[in-house]
């Protein structure tokens, strides 16, 4: 076997990936800003690519639910839609007792 080590993304690369994921998700949606808000970009800056995608999916979901509840045809975004997903997580240790 040949092992390839892939380095972590640096901050600039991570921001580019975040912008691309956002633009992919927002394509064709009414009410979605054409570019990701800078505030969201800052909040997502320390997350993995998977966590970024999940946080954005949840933010779009919240906006869609809000629009549906208000009988709107376009998404209604709020600045805290991302913040709820970006809190620091506490990792619990897994162990076994014998």
Protein backbone atom coordinates (compact mmCIF):
# COMPACT_ATOMS: atom_id res chain seq x y z
CA UNK A 1 0.00 0.00 0.00
CA UNK A 2 1.05 3.54 -0.63
CA UNK A 3 -0.01 6.09 1.98
CA UNK A 4 -0.70 9.67 0.98
CA UNK A 5 -0.86 12.31 3.66
CA UNK A 6 -3.17 15.20 2.95
CA UNK A 7 -2.46 18.39 4.82
CA UNK A 8 -5.25 20.32 6.53
CA UNK A 9 -6.67 23.24 4.61
CA UNK A 10 -5.29 26.64 5.50
CA UNK A 11 -7.62 29.55 6.29
CA UNK A 12 -7.75 30.90 2.73
CA UNK A 13 -8.52 27.47 1.27
CA UNK A 14 -11.20 26.84 3.87
CA UNK A 15 -12.88 30.17 3.08
CA UNK A 16 -12.84 29.34 -0.63
CA UNK A 17 -14.43 25.95 0.05
CA UNK A 18 -17.06 27.62 2.27
CA UNK A 19 -17.90 30.17 -0.43
CA UNK A 20 -18.21 27.40 -3.03
CA UNK A 21 -20.46 25.25 -0.84
CA UNK A 22 -22.67 28.27 -0.08
CA UNK A 23 -22.96 29.32 -3.73
CA UNK A 24 -23.83 25.74 -4.70
CA UNK A 25 -26.60 25.61 -2.08
CA UNK A 26 -28.00 29.08 -2.80
CA UNK A 27 -28.12 28.71 -6.58
CA UNK A 28 -31.63 29.52 -7.81
CA UNK A 29 -33.11 30.21 -4.37
CA UNK A 30 -35.11 33.40 -3.96
CA UNK A 31 -34.05 35.55 -1.04
CA UNK A 32 -30.63 33.96 -0.60
CA UNK A 33 -27.81 36.49 -0.85
CA UNK A 34 -25.60 35.79 -3.88
CA UNK A 35 -22.49 35.60 -1.66
CA UNK A 36 -22.15 34.21 1.84
CA UNK A 37 -22.42 36.92 4.50
CA UNK A 38 -18.99 37.80 5.93
CA UNK A 39 -20.32 37.19 9.45
CA UNK A 40 -21.19 33.59 8.55
CA UNK A 41 -17.81 33.11 6.90
CA UNK A 42 -16.09 34.21 10.12
CA UNK A 43 -18.20 31.90 12.28
CA UNK A 44 -17.51 28.89 10.07
CA UNK A 45 -13.78 29.57 9.81
CA UNK A 46 -12.59 26.93 12.27
CA UNK A 47 -14.86 24.08 11.21
CA UNK A 48 -14.19 21.06 9.03
CA UNK A 49 -15.61 20.96 5.52
CA UNK A 50 -18.26 18.48 6.62
CA UNK A 51 -19.29 20.65 9.59
CA UNK A 52 -19.48 23.68 7.29
CA UNK A 53 -21.79 21.87 4.87
CA UNK A 54 -24.05 20.65 7.70
CA UNK A 55 -24.18 24.12 9.32
CA UNK A 56 -25.14 25.72 5.99
CA UNK A 57 -27.79 23.07 5.31
CA UNK A 58 -29.32 23.73 8.72
CA UNK A 59 -29.23 27.50 8.15
CA UNK A 60 -31.03 27.10 4.81
CA UNK A 61 -33.54 24.82 6.51
CA UNK A 62 -34.24 27.36 9.24
CA UNK A 63 -34.70 30.09 6.64
CA UNK A 64 -37.10 27.90 4.65
CA UNK A 65 -39.15 27.04 7.74
CA UNK A 66 -39.30 30.71 8.71
CA UNK A 67 -40.44 31.68 5.19
CA UNK A 68 -43.06 28.93 5.16
CA UNK A 69 -44.45 30.02 8.54
CA UNK A 70 -44.78 33.58 7.23
CA UNK A 71 -46.18 32.51 3.85
CA UNK A 72 -43.25 34.04 1.97
CA UNK A 73 -42.00 32.90 -1.42
CA UNK A 74 -38.36 33.61 -0.65
CA UNK A 75 -36.03 32.52 2.12
CA UNK A 76 -35.72 34.69 5.20
CA UNK A 77 -32.21 34.57 6.65
CA UNK A 78 -31.18 35.83 10.07
CA UNK A 79 -27.64 36.32 11.31
CA UNK A 80 -28.01 33.72 14.07
CA UNK A 81 -28.98 30.89 11.73
CA UNK A 82 -25.32 29.84 11.59
CA UNK A 83 -24.33 30.66 15.15
CA UNK A 84 -26.52 27.95 16.61
CA UNK A 85 -24.43 25.27 14.87
CA UNK A 86 -20.99 26.72 15.57
CA UNK A 87 -20.78 26.44 19.32
CA UNK A 88 -17.78 24.59 20.65
CA UNK A 89 -18.51 20.93 21.12
CA UNK A 90 -17.44 19.08 24.23
CA UNK A 91 -16.01 15.71 23.35
CA UNK A 92 -16.84 13.01 25.78
CA UNK A 93 -14.37 10.21 26.23
CA UNK A 94 -15.48 6.74 25.33
CA UNK A 95 -14.41 3.99 27.66
CA UNK A 96 -15.19 0.52 28.78
CA UNK A 97 -15.40 -0.93 32.22
CA UNK A 98 -14.59 -4.52 32.97
